[in-house]
C-alpha atoms as a PDB file:
ATOM      1  CA  MET A   1     160.868 138.074 126.472  1.00  0.00           C
ATOM      2  CA  SER A   2     159.751 139.037 122.750  1.00  0.00           C
ATOM      3  CA  THR A   3     159.470 142.976 122.678  1.00  0.00           C
ATOM      4  CA  ALA A   4     157.152 142.614 119.725  1.00  0.00           C
ATOM      5  CA  VAL A   5     153.546 143.863 119.357  1.00  0.00           C
ATOM      6  CA  PRO A   6     151.303 140.972 119.606  1.00  0.00           C
ATOM      7  CA  THR A   7     149.359 141.960 116.499  1.00  0.00           C
ATOM      8  CA  ARG A   8     150.388 144.408 114.063  1.00  0.00           C
ATOM      9  CA  VAL A   9     147.469 147.245 114.180  1.00  0.00           C
ATOM     10  CA  ARG A  10     146.120 147.653 110.541  1.00  0.00           C
ATOM     11  CA  PRO A  11     144.437 151.361 109.512  1.00  0.00           C
ATOM     12  CA  VAL A  12     141.055 151.276 109.480  1.00  0.00           C
ATOM     13  CA  LEU A  13     141.011 153.954 105.989  1.00  0.00           C
ATOM     14  CA  GLY A  14     143.619 153.839 103.977  1.00  0.00           C
ATOM     15  CA  ALA A  15     146.804 156.201 104.126  1.00  0.00           C
ATOM     16  CA  PHE A  16     146.445 159.961 103.119  1.00  0.00           C
ATOM     17  CA  GLU A  17     142.670 158.480 102.922  1.00  0.00           C
ATOM     18  CA  SER A  18     141.216 161.669 101.686  1.00  0.00           C
ATOM     19  CA  THR A  19     137.472 161.220 103.192  1.00  0.00           C
ATOM     20  CA  ASN A  20     139.091 161.711 106.812  1.00  0.00           C
ATOM     21  CA  ARG A  21     138.685 165.479 106.857  1.00  0.00           C
ATOM     22  CA  PRO A  22     140.404 166.256 110.433  1.00  0.00           C
ATOM     23  CA  LEU A  23     143.163 164.760 109.291  1.00  0.00           C
ATOM     24  CA  THR A  24     143.702 166.807 106.512  1.00  0.00           C
ATOM     25  CA  ILE A  25     142.118 169.942 108.528  1.00  0.00           C
ATOM     26  CA  SER A  26     144.941 169.499 111.313  1.00  0.00           C
ATOM     27  CA  ARG A  27     148.069 169.524 109.421  1.00  0.00           C
ATOM     28  CA  VAL A  28     146.455 172.571 107.494  1.00  0.00           C
ATOM     29  CA  ALA A  29     145.844 174.089 110.371  1.00  0.00           C
ATOM     30  CA  LEU A  30     149.564 173.708 111.846  1.00  0.00           C
ATOM     31  CA  VAL A  31     151.287 174.743 108.587  1.00  0.00           C
ATOM     32  CA  ALA A  32     149.155 178.124 107.877  1.00  0.00           C
ATOM     33  CA  VAL A  33     149.834 178.861 111.583  1.00  0.00           C
ATOM     34  CA  ALA A  34     153.525 177.926 111.762  1.00  0.00           C
ATOM     35  CA  LEU A  35     153.607 179.753 107.717  1.00  0.00           C
ATOM     36  CA  ALA A  36     152.358 183.174 109.492  1.00  0.00           C
ATOM     37  CA  PHE A  37     154.445 183.592 112.669  1.00  0.00           C
ATOM     38  CA  GLY A  38     157.156 182.220 110.442  1.00  0.00           C
ATOM     39  CA  ALA A  39     156.155 185.299 107.638  1.00  0.00           C
ATOM     40  CA  LEU A  40     155.574 187.964 111.074  1.00  0.00           C
ATOM     41  CA  ARG A  41     158.917 187.271 112.444  1.00  0.00           C
ATOM     42  CA  LEU A  42     160.493 187.722 108.938  1.00  0.00           C
ATOM     43  CA  ALA A  43     158.911 191.336 108.953  1.00  0.00           C
ATOM     44  CA  GLY A  44     160.220 192.020 112.313  1.00  0.00           C
ATOM     45  CA  VAL A  45     156.356 191.320 114.264  1.00  0.00           C
ATOM     46  CA  SER A  46     156.058 190.094 117.639  1.00  0.00           C
ATOM     47  CA  LEU A  47     152.714 189.346 119.465  1.00  0.00           C
ATOM     48  CA  SER A  48     152.545 191.157 122.865  1.00  0.00           C
ATOM     49  CA  LEU A  49     152.555 188.739 125.541  1.00  0.00           C
ATOM     50  CA  PRO A  50     148.804 190.034 126.404  1.00  0.00           C
ATOM     51  CA  THR A  51     148.132 189.311 123.115  1.00  0.00           C
ATOM     52  CA  GLN A  52     149.713 185.327 123.228  1.00  0.00           C
ATOM     53  CA  ALA A  53     147.536 184.739 126.432  1.00  0.00           C
ATOM     54  CA  GLY A  54     144.665 185.724 125.281  1.00  0.00           C
ATOM     55  CA  ILE A  55     145.253 183.531 122.103  1.00  0.00           C
ATOM     56  CA  TYR A  56     145.970 180.791 124.236  1.00  0.00           C
ATOM     57  CA  LEU A  57     143.039 180.990 126.628  1.00  0.00           C
ATOM     58  CA  PHE A  58     140.533 180.991 123.485  1.00  0.00           C
ATOM     59  CA  GLY A  59     142.399 177.808 122.083  1.00  0.00           C
ATOM     60  CA  MET A  60     142.042 176.294 125.588  1.00  0.00           C
ATOM     61  CA  VAL A  61     138.999 177.336 126.892  1.00  0.00           C
ATOM     62  CA  ALA A  62     136.684 178.128 124.004  1.00  0.00           C
ATOM     63  CA  LEU A  63     137.744 175.682 121.699  1.00  0.00           C
ATOM     64  CA  ASN A  64     139.606 172.660 123.390  1.00  0.00           C
ATOM     65  CA  LEU A  65     137.728 172.121 126.403  1.00  0.00           C
ATOM     66  CA  PRO A  66     134.441 171.247 125.472  1.00  0.00           C
ATOM     67  CA  HIS A  67     136.251 168.365 123.493  1.00  0.00           C
ATOM     68  CA  GLY A  68     137.634 166.828 126.601  1.00  0.00           C
ATOM     69  CA  GLY A  69     133.400 166.578 128.285  1.00  0.00           C
ATOM     70  CA  TYR A  70     133.278 165.003 124.652  1.00  0.00           C
ATOM     71  CA  GLU A  71     135.920 162.306 124.619  1.00  0.00           C
ATOM     72  CA  HIS A  72     134.291 161.144 128.328  1.00  0.00           C
ATOM     73  CA  PHE A  73     130.532 161.075 126.625  1.00  0.00           C
ATOM     74  CA  ALA A  74     131.302 159.347 124.150  1.00  0.00           C
ATOM     75  CA  ASN A  75     133.643 156.433 125.881  1.00  0.00           C
ATOM     76  CA  LEU A  76     130.301 156.425 128.763  1.00  0.00           C
ATOM     77  CA  ARG A  77     128.087 156.261 126.323  1.00  0.00           C
ATOM     78  CA  ARG A  78     127.334 152.329 126.528  1.00  0.00           C
ATOM     79  CA  ARG A  79     129.036 151.136 129.347  1.00  0.00           C
ATOM     80  CA  ARG A  80     127.564 149.860 132.822  1.00  0.00           C
ATOM     81  CA  LEU A  81     126.257 152.088 135.250  1.00  0.00           C
ATOM     82  CA  ALA A  82     128.519 150.766 137.757  1.00  0.00           C
ATOM     83  CA  PHE A  83     131.449 151.540 135.759  1.00  0.00           C
ATOM     84  CA  ARG A  84     130.264 154.646 134.891  1.00  0.00           C
ATOM     85  CA  TRP A  85     130.242 155.435 138.500  1.00  0.00           C
ATOM     86  CA  ARG A  86     133.593 153.943 139.519  1.00  0.00           C
ATOM     87  CA  TYR A  87     135.113 155.912 136.314  1.00  0.00           C
ATOM     88  CA  LEU A  88     133.406 159.288 138.301  1.00  0.00           C
ATOM     89  CA  GLY A  89     134.908 158.467 141.919  1.00  0.00           C
ATOM     90  CA  LEU A  90     138.579 157.816 140.182  1.00  0.00           C
ATOM     91  CA  TYR A  91     138.280 160.808 138.081  1.00  0.00           C
ATOM     92  CA  LEU A  92     137.415 163.226 141.076  1.00  0.00           C
ATOM     93  CA  ALA A  93     139.674 160.932 143.495  1.00  0.00           C
ATOM     94  CA  LEU A  94     143.142 161.585 141.200  1.00  0.00           C
ATOM     95  CA  VAL A  95     141.809 165.532 140.806  1.00  0.00           C
ATOM     96  CA  ALA A  96     141.836 165.824 144.416  1.00  0.00           C
ATOM     97  CA  ALA A  97     145.297 164.344 144.637  1.00  0.00           C
ATOM     98  CA  PHE A  98     146.880 165.930 142.131  1.00  0.00           C
ATOM     99  CA  VAL A  99     145.952 169.311 143.995  1.00  0.00           C
ATOM    100  CA  ALA A 100     147.528 168.151 147.545  1.00  0.00           C
ATOM    101  CA  LEU A 101     150.678 167.696 144.943  1.00  0.00           C
ATOM    102  CA  PHE A 102     150.674 170.906 143.879  1.00  0.00           C
ATOM    103  CA  VAL A 103     149.393 172.760 147.566  1.00  0.00           C
ATOM    104  CA  VAL A 104     152.769 169.994 149.476  1.00  0.00           C
ATOM    105  CA  ALA A 105     154.823 170.566 146.221  1.00  0.00           C
ATOM    106  CA  PRO A 106     154.337 172.552 143.406  1.00  0.00           C
ATOM    107  CA  VAL A 107     157.623 172.163 141.792  1.00  0.00           C
ATOM    108  CA  THR A 108     156.867 168.281 141.792  1.00  0.00           C
ATOM    109  CA  GLY A 109     153.516 168.929 140.531  1.00  0.00           C
ATOM    110  CA  LEU A 110     154.750 171.641 137.890  1.00  0.00           C
ATOM    111  CA  ALA A 111     157.402 168.513 136.866  1.00  0.00           C
ATOM    112  CA  LEU A 112     154.231 166.049 136.343  1.00  0.00           C
ATOM    113  CA  ALA A 113     151.754 168.971 134.649  1.00  0.00           C
ATOM    114  CA  ILE A 114     154.780 168.745 132.504  1.00  0.00           C
ATOM    115  CA  GLY A 115     154.363 164.735 131.734  1.00  0.00           C
ATOM    116  CA  VAL A 116     150.710 164.891 131.172  1.00  0.00           C
ATOM    117  CA  ALA A 117     150.714 166.899 128.032  1.00  0.00           C
ATOM    118  CA  VAL A 118     153.648 164.902 126.903  1.00  0.00           C
ATOM    119  CA  VAL A 119     151.723 161.608 127.477  1.00  0.00           C
ATOM    120  CA  LYS A 120     148.170 163.307 126.366  1.00  0.00           C
ATOM    121  CA  GLY A 121     149.836 164.379 123.349  1.00  0.00           C
ATOM    122  CA  GLY A 122     151.951 161.514 122.513  1.00  0.00           C
ATOM    123  CA  HIS A 123     149.723 158.668 123.573  1.00  0.00           C
ATOM    124  CA  GLY A 124     146.587 160.294 122.049  1.00  0.00           C
ATOM    125  CA  GLY A 125     148.740 160.431 118.684  1.00  0.00           C
ATOM    126  CA  LEU A 126     149.287 157.500 118.605  1.00  0.00           C
ATOM    127  CA  ARG A 127     145.930 155.780 118.700  1.00  0.00           C
ATOM    128  CA  VAL A 128     145.378 158.407 115.960  1.00  0.00           C
ATOM    129  CA  LEU A 129     148.063 156.312 113.205  1.00  0.00           C
ATOM    130  CA  ASP A 130     146.715 153.287 114.527  1.00  0.00           C
ATOM    131  CA  ALA A 131     142.765 153.561 113.490  1.00  0.00           C
ATOM    132  CA  THR A 132     143.767 156.029 110.255  1.00  0.00           C
ATOM    133  CA  THR A 133     147.094 156.110 108.308  1.00  0.00           C
ATOM    134  CA  GLY A 134     148.349 152.885 110.728  1.00  0.00           C
ATOM    135  CA  THR A 135     151.491 152.210 112.147  1.00  0.00           C
ATOM    136  CA  ASP A 136     152.772 149.395 110.367  1.00  0.00           C
ATOM    137  CA  HIS A 137     156.387 150.626 110.588  1.00  0.00           C
ATOM    138  CA  LEU A 138     155.937 150.232 114.757  1.00  0.00           C
ATOM    139  CA  ASP A 139     156.903 147.052 114.875  1.00  0.00           C
ATOM    140  CA  THR A 140     157.916 147.085 119.087  1.00  0.00           C
ATOM    141  CA  ARG A 141     156.619 148.014 122.474  1.00  0.00           C
ATOM    142  CA  PHE A 142     159.827 150.571 121.903  1.00  0.00           C
ATOM    143  CA  GLN A 143     159.200 152.157 118.789  1.00  0.00           C
ATOM    144  CA  ARG A 144     155.681 152.661 119.904  1.00  0.00           C
ATOM    145  CA  ALA A 145     156.759 154.192 123.176  1.00  0.00           C
ATOM    146  CA  LEU A 146     158.853 156.485 121.287  1.00  0.00           C
ATOM    147  CA  ALA A 147     156.476 157.242 119.066  1.00  0.00           C
ATOM    148  CA  VAL A 148     154.474 158.523 122.439  1.00  0.00           C
ATOM    149  CA  ALA A 149     157.706 160.200 123.641  1.00  0.00           C
ATOM    150  CA  VAL A 150     158.679 162.103 120.913  1.00  0.00           C
ATOM    151  CA  ARG A 151     155.068 163.174 119.295  1.00  0.00           C
ATOM    152  CA  GLY A 152     153.675 164.235 123.223  1.00  0.00           C
ATOM    153  CA  GLY A 153     157.378 165.186 123.399  1.00  0.00           C
ATOM    154  CA  ALA A 154     157.792 168.286 120.912  1.00  0.00           C
ATOM    155  CA  VAL A 155     154.385 169.937 122.939  1.00  0.00           C
ATOM    156  CA  MET A 156     157.054 170.797 125.553  1.00  0.00           C
ATOM    157  CA  ALA A 157     160.735 169.825 124.838  1.00  0.00           C
ATOM    158  CA  VAL A 158     160.536 172.025 121.403  1.00  0.00           C
ATOM    159  CA  PRO A 159     159.439 175.219 122.973  1.00  0.00           C
ATOM    160  CA  ILE A 160     162.081 174.723 125.973  1.00  0.00           C
ATOM    161  CA  PHE A 161     164.684 174.545 123.561  1.00  0.00           C
ATOM    162  CA  PHE A 162     163.553 177.034 121.155  1.00  0.00           C
ATOM    163  CA  TRP A 163     161.253 179.886 123.866  1.00  0.00           C
ATOM    164  CA  PRO A 164     163.222 179.414 126.676  1.00  0.00           C
ATOM    165  CA  GLY A 165     162.749 182.705 128.473  1.00  0.00           C
ATOM    166  CA  VAL A 166     158.828 182.170 127.613  1.00  0.00           C
ATOM    167  CA  PHE A 167     159.184 178.559 129.078  1.00  0.00           C
ATOM    168  CA  GLU A 168     160.834 179.527 132.459  1.00  0.00           C
ATOM    169  CA  ALA A 169     158.991 182.524 132.933  1.00  0.00           C
ATOM    170  CA  PHE A 170     155.364 181.008 132.787  1.00  0.00           C
ATOM    171  CA  SER A 171     157.255 178.249 134.859  1.00  0.00           C
ATOM    172  CA  HIS A 172     157.220 180.084 138.044  1.00  0.00           C
ATOM    173  CA  TYR A 173     153.585 181.835 136.869  1.00  0.00           C
ATOM    174  CA  MET A 174     152.252 178.385 137.261  1.00  0.00           C
ATOM    175  CA  VAL A 175     154.634 177.331 140.781  1.00  0.00           C
ATOM    176  CA  ALA A 176     153.831 180.803 141.853  1.00  0.00           C
ATOM    177  CA  ILE A 177     150.394 180.067 142.318  1.00  0.00           C
ATOM    178  CA  PHE A 178     151.078 177.959 145.768  1.00  0.00           C
ATOM    179  CA  ASP A 179     154.239 179.117 146.610  1.00  0.00           C
ATOM    180  CA  PRO A 180     156.156 182.330 145.275  1.00  0.00           C
ATOM    181  CA  GLY A 181     159.490 181.934 144.641  1.00  0.00           C
ATOM    182  CA  ALA A 182     159.751 178.035 144.832  1.00  0.00           C
ATOM    183  CA  LEU A 183     161.229 177.648 141.687  1.00  0.00           C
ATOM    184  CA  ALA A 184     164.003 180.430 141.768  1.00  0.00           C
ATOM    185  CA  GLY A 185     166.314 177.495 143.300  1.00  0.00           C
ATOM    186  CA  TYR A 186     166.276 175.838 140.676  1.00  0.00           C
ATOM    187  CA  ALA A 187     166.840 178.320 137.798  1.00  0.00           C
ATOM    188  CA  ALA A 188     170.220 178.247 137.862  1.00  0.00           C
ATOM    189  CA  TYR A 189     170.254 174.499 135.872  1.00  0.00           C
ATOM    190  CA  PHE A 190     167.100 175.933 133.784  1.00  0.00           C
ATOM    191  CA  GLY A 191     169.992 176.656 130.530  1.00  0.00           C
ATOM    192  CA  THR A 192     171.670 173.094 130.758  1.00  0.00           C
ATOM    193  CA  THR A 193     167.945 171.448 131.516  1.00  0.00           C
ATOM    194  CA  ARG A 194     166.941 173.384 127.904  1.00  0.00           C
ATOM    195  CA  TRP A 195     170.181 171.855 125.918  1.00  0.00           C
ATOM    196  CA  LEU A 196     169.454 168.139 127.144  1.00  0.00           C
ATOM    197  CA  VAL A 197     165.977 167.874 126.896  1.00  0.00           C
ATOM    198  CA  GLY A 198     165.955 169.566 123.383  1.00  0.00           C
ATOM    199  CA  GLY A 199     168.579 166.897 122.380  1.00  0.00           C
ATOM    200  CA  GLY A 200     167.022 164.301 123.787  1.00  0.00           C
ATOM    201  CA  TRP A 201     164.249 165.123 121.866  1.00  0.00           C
ATOM    202  CA  ALA A 202     166.047 165.463 118.365  1.00  0.00           C
ATOM    203  CA  LEU A 203     167.842 162.623 119.689  1.00  0.00           C
ATOM    204  CA  ALA A 204     164.527 160.499 119.905  1.00  0.00           C
ATOM    205  CA  ALA A 205     163.005 162.194 116.864  1.00  0.00           C
ATOM    206  CA  VAL A 206     165.971 160.983 114.367  1.00  0.00           C
ATOM    207  CA  THR A 207     165.726 157.383 116.187  1.00  0.00           C
ATOM    208  CA  HIS A 208     161.640 157.237 115.808  1.00  0.00           C
ATOM    209  CA  VAL A 209     161.837 158.257 111.737  1.00  0.00           C
ATOM    210  CA  GLY A 210     164.756 156.265 111.420  1.00  0.00           C
ATOM    211  CA  LEU A 211     163.685 152.956 112.943  1.00  0.00           C
ATOM    212  CA  GLY A 212     160.023 153.475 111.179  1.00  0.00           C
ATOM    213  CA  TYR A 213     162.293 153.470 108.193  1.00  0.00           C
ATOM    214  CA  VAL A 214     164.131 150.382 108.969  1.00  0.00           C
ATOM    215  CA  ARG A 215     161.261 148.289 110.213  1.00  0.00           C
ATOM    216  CA  GLY A 216     158.860 148.675 107.853  1.00  0.00           C
ATOM    217  CA  GLY A 217     158.857 152.406 105.460  1.00  0.00           C
ATOM    218  CA  GLY A 218     155.877 152.506 103.305  1.00  0.00           C
ATOM    219  CA  GLN A 219     152.959 154.975 103.400  1.00  0.00           C
ATOM    220  CA  SER A 220     152.380 154.472 107.202  1.00  0.00           C
ATOM    221  CA  TRP A 221     155.619 155.538 108.030  1.00  0.00           C
ATOM    222  CA  LEU A 222     155.519 158.332 106.154  1.00  0.00           C
ATOM    223  CA  ALA A 223     152.577 159.949 107.281  1.00  0.00           C
ATOM    224  CA  ASP A 224     154.062 160.024 110.600  1.00  0.00           C
ATOM    225  CA  ALA A 225     158.176 161.648 109.596  1.00  0.00           C
ATOM    226  CA  GLY A 226     156.047 164.314 107.905  1.00  0.00           C
ATOM    227  CA  GLU A 227     153.635 164.693 110.999  1.00  0.00           C
ATOM    228  CA  THR A 228     156.460 164.288 113.443  1.00  0.00           C
ATOM    229  CA  ALA A 229     158.487 167.045 110.866  1.00  0.00           C
ATOM    230  CA  LEU A 230     155.730 168.860 111.020  1.00  0.00           C
ATOM    231  CA  LEU A 231     155.209 168.937 114.915  1.00  0.00           C
ATOM    232  CA  GLY A 232     159.063 170.154 115.797  1.00  0.00           C
ATOM    233  CA  ALA A 233     158.771 172.982 113.048  1.00  0.00           C
ATOM    234  CA  TYR A 234     155.326 174.242 114.467  1.00  0.00           C
ATOM    235  CA  PHE A 235     156.521 174.536 118.072  1.00  0.00           C
ATOM    236  CA  ALA A 236     159.927 175.565 116.938  1.00  0.00           C
ATOM    237  CA  VAL A 237     158.243 179.034 115.098  1.00  0.00           C
ATOM    238  CA  VAL A 238     155.356 179.392 116.990  1.00  0.00           C
ATOM    239  CA  PRO A 239     155.352 181.178 119.941  1.00  0.00           C
ATOM    240  CA  VAL A 240     155.293 178.930 123.204  1.00  0.00           C
ATOM    241  CA  VAL A 241     151.838 180.146 124.563  1.00  0.00           C
ATOM    242  CA  VAL A 242     150.054 180.694 120.860  1.00  0.00           C
ATOM    243  CA  ALA A 243     151.511 176.894 120.258  1.00  0.00           C
ATOM    244  CA  VAL A 244     150.220 175.111 122.921  1.00  0.00           C
ATOM    245  CA  GLY A 245     146.988 176.908 122.691  1.00  0.00           C
ATOM    246  CA  LEU A 246     146.220 176.285 119.329  1.00  0.00           C
ATOM    247  CA  TYR A 247     148.095 172.923 119.342  1.00  0.00           C
ATOM    248  CA  PHE A 248     145.113 171.082 121.521  1.00  0.00           C
ATOM    249  CA  PRO A 249     142.177 172.145 119.684  1.00  0.00           C
ATOM    250  CA  LEU A 250     143.761 172.532 115.993  1.00  0.00           C
ATOM    251  CA  TRP A 251     145.543 169.028 116.122  1.00  0.00           C
ATOM    252  CA  TYR A 252     144.649 167.386 119.437  1.00  0.00           C
ATOM    253  CA  SER A 253     140.901 167.963 119.564  1.00  0.00           C
ATOM    254  CA  THR A 254     140.868 167.661 115.423  1.00  0.00           C
ATOM    255  CA  ARG A 255     142.706 164.143 114.867  1.00  0.00           C
ATOM    256  CA  GLN A 256     140.825 162.853 117.507  1.00  0.00           C
ATOM    257  CA  VAL A 257     137.473 163.588 115.411  1.00  0.00           C
ATOM    258  CA  GLY A 258     139.383 162.118 112.974  1.00  0.00           C
ATOM    259  CA  ARG A 259     139.672 158.742 115.072  1.00  0.00           C
ATOM    260  CA  ASP A 260     135.758 158.920 115.311  1.00  0.00           C
ATOM    261  CA  ILE A 261     134.995 159.010 111.786  1.00  0.00           C
ATOM    262  CA  ALA A 262     137.081 155.761 110.980  1.00  0.00           C
ATOM    263  CA  LEU A 263     135.997 153.785 113.730  1.00  0.00           C
ATOM    264  CA  ASP A 264     132.425 155.132 113.822  1.00  0.00           C
ATOM    265  CA  SER A 265     130.988 151.757 112.543  1.00  0.00           C
ATOM    266  CA  ARG A 266     132.761 149.368 115.059  1.00  0.00           C
ATOM    267  CA  ARG A 267     132.213 152.228 118.418  1.00  0.00           C
ATOM    268  CA  GLY A 268     130.528 150.424 121.379  1.00  0.00           C
ATOM    269  CA  THR A 269     131.090 147.789 123.865  1.00  0.00           C
ATOM    270  CA  GLY A 270     127.085 146.481 124.468  1.00  0.00           C
ATOM    271  CA  GLY A 271     126.267 148.371 127.171  1.00  0.00           C
ATOM    272  CA  PRO A 272     122.957 150.645 127.853  1.00  0.00           C
ATOM    273  CA  ASP A 273     123.018 153.579 125.352  1.00  0.00           C
ATOM    274  CA  LEU A 274     123.203 157.044 127.832  1.00  0.00           C
ATOM    275  CA  LEU A 275     121.015 158.209 124.423  1.00  0.00           C
ATOM    276  CA  GLU A 276     118.896 154.896 124.025  1.00  0.00           C
ATOM    277  CA  PHE A 277     115.269 156.758 123.395  1.00  0.00           C
ATOM    278  CA  GLU A 278     112.390 156.241 120.196  1.00  0.00           C
ATOM    279  CA  GLU A 279     112.283 160.053 120.656  1.00  0.00           C
ATOM    280  CA  PRO A 280     114.969 162.561 119.049  1.00  0.00           C
ATOM    281  CA  GLN A 281     114.092 165.360 121.069  1.00  0.00           C
ATOM    282  CA  ARG A 282     114.791 163.656 124.204  1.00  0.00           C
ATOM    283  CA  ILE A 283     118.278 162.129 123.023  1.00  0.00           C
ATOM    284  CA  ALA A 284     119.220 166.032 121.986  1.00  0.00           C
ATOM    285  CA  LEU A 285     117.703 167.085 125.594  1.00  0.00           C
ATOM    286  CA  VAL A 286     119.740 164.139 127.391  1.00  0.00           C
ATOM    287  CA  THR A 287     122.701 165.159 125.054  1.00  0.00           C
ATOM    288  CA  TRP A 288     122.077 168.360 126.239  1.00  0.00           C
ATOM    289  CA  GLY A 289     122.475 167.905 130.104  1.00  0.00           C
ATOM    290  CA  LEU A 290     124.736 165.569 130.330  1.00  0.00           C
ATOM    291  CA  LEU A 291     127.785 167.799 128.284  1.00  0.00           C
ATOM    292  CA  LEU A 292     125.910 170.876 130.568  1.00  0.00           C
ATOM    293  CA  ALA A 293     126.752 168.291 133.975  1.00  0.00           C
ATOM    294  CA  GLY A 294     130.316 167.801 132.734  1.00  0.00           C
ATOM    295  CA  ALA A 295     130.984 171.514 132.091  1.00  0.00           C
ATOM    296  CA  VAL A 296     129.308 172.555 135.796  1.00  0.00           C
ATOM    297  CA  LEU A 297     131.152 170.666 137.306  1.00  0.00           C
ATOM    298  CA  THR A 298     134.744 171.383 135.676  1.00  0.00           C
ATOM    299  CA  PHE A 299     134.150 175.044 135.965  1.00  0.00           C
ATOM    300  CA  ALA A 300     133.469 174.327 139.407  1.00  0.00           C
ATOM    301  CA  ILE A 301     136.359 172.556 140.205  1.00  0.00           C
ATOM    302  CA  ALA A 302     137.918 175.602 138.576  1.00  0.00           C
ATOM    303  CA  GLY A 303     136.509 177.707 140.546  1.00  0.00           C
ATOM    304  CA  LEU A 304     137.226 176.089 144.304  1.00  0.00           C
ATOM    305  CA  LEU A 305     140.988 176.249 142.427  1.00  0.00           C
ATOM    306  CA  TYR A 306     140.718 179.370 142.207  1.00  0.00           C
ATOM    307  CA  ARG A 307     139.530 180.639 145.370  1.00  0.00           C
ATOM    308  CA  PHE A 308     141.957 178.891 147.398  1.00  0.00           C
ATOM    309  CA  ALA A 309     144.762 179.090 145.463  1.00  0.00           C
ATOM    310  CA  PRO A 310     147.385 181.677 147.738  1.00  0.00           C
ATOM    311  CA  ASN A 311     148.158 183.394 145.005  1.00  0.00           C
ATOM    312  CA  PRO A 312     145.757 182.285 141.523  1.00  0.00           C
ATOM    313  CA  LEU A 313     147.028 184.801 138.952  1.00  0.00           C
ATOM    314  CA  GLY A 314     150.444 183.160 139.915  1.00  0.00           C
ATOM    315  CA  THR A 315     152.158 187.087 140.100  1.00  0.00           C
ATOM    316  CA  ALA A 316     151.455 188.189 136.824  1.00  0.00           C
ATOM    317  CA  SER A 317     149.243 190.253 135.215  1.00  0.00           C
ATOM    318  CA  PRO A 318     145.320 189.439 134.356  1.00  0.00           C
ATOM    319  CA  LEU A 319     145.567 187.689 130.846  1.00  0.00           C
ATOM    320  CA  VAL A 320     149.284 186.679 131.713  1.00  0.00           C
ATOM    321  CA  GLY A 321     148.247 185.032 135.177  1.00  0.00           C
ATOM    322  CA  GLY A 322     145.061 183.751 133.571  1.00  0.00           C
ATOM    323  CA  VAL A 323     147.155 181.231 131.271  1.00  0.00           C
ATOM    324  CA  ALA A 324     149.911 180.444 134.280  1.00  0.00           C
ATOM    325  CA  PHE A 325     146.270 179.075 135.940  1.00  0.00           C
ATOM    326  CA  TRP A 326     144.090 177.721 133.201  1.00  0.00           C
ATOM    327  CA  SER A 327     147.587 175.598 132.205  1.00  0.00           C
ATOM    328  CA  VAL A 328     147.677 173.965 135.962  1.00  0.00           C
ATOM    329  CA  PHE A 329     143.865 173.495 136.391  1.00  0.00           C
ATOM    330  CA  VAL A 330     143.789 172.044 133.057  1.00  0.00           C
ATOM    331  CA  SER A 331     146.524 169.752 134.287  1.00  0.00           C
ATOM    332  CA  ILE A 332     145.170 168.787 137.128  1.00  0.00           C
ATOM    333  CA  ILE A 333     141.847 167.245 135.014  1.00  0.00           C
ATOM    334  CA  ALA A 334     144.312 165.881 132.241  1.00  0.00           C
ATOM    335  CA  LEU A 335     145.801 163.626 134.802  1.00  0.00           C
ATOM    336  CA  PRO A 336     142.615 161.595 135.005  1.00  0.00           C
ATOM    337  CA  HIS A 337     141.462 162.280 131.642  1.00  0.00           C
ATOM    338  CA  VAL A 338     145.004 160.010 130.737  1.00  0.00           C
ATOM    339  CA  VAL A 339     144.921 157.448 133.734  1.00  0.00           C
ATOM    340  CA  VAL A 340     140.966 156.898 134.004  1.00  0.00           C
ATOM    341  CA  GLY A 341     139.645 157.778 130.361  1.00  0.00           C
ATOM    342  CA  ALA A 342     142.779 155.394 128.672  1.00  0.00           C
ATOM    343  CA  TRP A 343     144.874 154.002 131.314  1.00  0.00           C
ATOM    344  CA  PHE A 344     142.234 152.084 133.722  1.00  0.00           C
ATOM    345  CA  ASP A 345     139.610 151.594 131.094  1.00  0.00           C
ATOM    346  CA  ARG A 346     140.763 148.658 129.615  1.00  0.00           C
ATOM    347  CA  GLU A 347     137.778 147.491 127.704  1.00  0.00           C
ATOM    348  CA  GLN A 348     137.790 150.955 125.143  1.00  0.00           C
ATOM    349  CA  GLY A 349     139.215 154.079 126.621  1.00  0.00           C
ATOM    350  CA  ILE A 350     138.522 157.712 125.477  1.00  0.00           C
ATOM    351  CA  TRP A 351     141.037 156.725 122.728  1.00  0.00           C
ATOM    352  CA  PHE A 352     139.934 153.336 122.078  1.00  0.00           C
ATOM    353  CA  VAL A 353     141.034 151.757 118.886  1.00  0.00           C
ATOM    354  CA  PRO A 354     139.645 147.963 118.093  1.00  0.00           C
END
């Protein structure tokens, strides 16, 4: 069986298209944050863990959470009513299943949460490349899967290697929300895991960049290789709590806006539009109402989790425990975000590229 991709994806915009400002903003933002923390390290200055936790919560709650709701809104805007209800039902069912997994087997839940972050960052990032700078250098399904693993893996694998103490501590805090001490039996293997994960990511990154060059090179490869190096450097230099907290709003969400810009004129499936009204005031009211309903549902789930979790702050201080709680919560809603929002929805999806 051939492993070739049936149709090679062409960029909607030219490579390095100057009019797609979100791509430029995402690159500049990560470079700026990495340089700032590199300078702090050279000066012998480090931020306290509570300060890092505050930055994380600002980035993930205030900046990034609204974009998650927007992705679903944009995806469902022109879909049939029956599809919307089925979509919502599956989403809530997966949320309930993931909560149950954390309750029954919190270590397995943690492993799945890490996997979800990798898939979300990697798969979503690949679709941005498809729509903007192009993926002519990714000729096979293996290369595309490797691109997902490398781009998404940077979010978890690089911090595991460069910030092992903090990563391990927060892993304990997250598991302790449901079962304090459940991760203790695995702590002895963390040093070995660190080298396997970090070395595996480095090997995958070199293979990804090398194969891309051999299979086509060109501007699309150059953009991909440069961004891969940037992601690796960013997560190596920036403390993991800050790095993850700012990665999603400054990189993931910003670049999805860039994908939307590239595809704006081609979006839509012909279904009834949620905003199909003549009066501009009614459009604004419906938009506000739908986003408000999504926000209420999201925070209702967070409130229920906080209320019924045995140790909602994971035995940590309020700010640090808040990071642990939010990391668990956001992974719980991110799982259906990927599975329902992208994989279940074969017609369009939250990362739609025609």
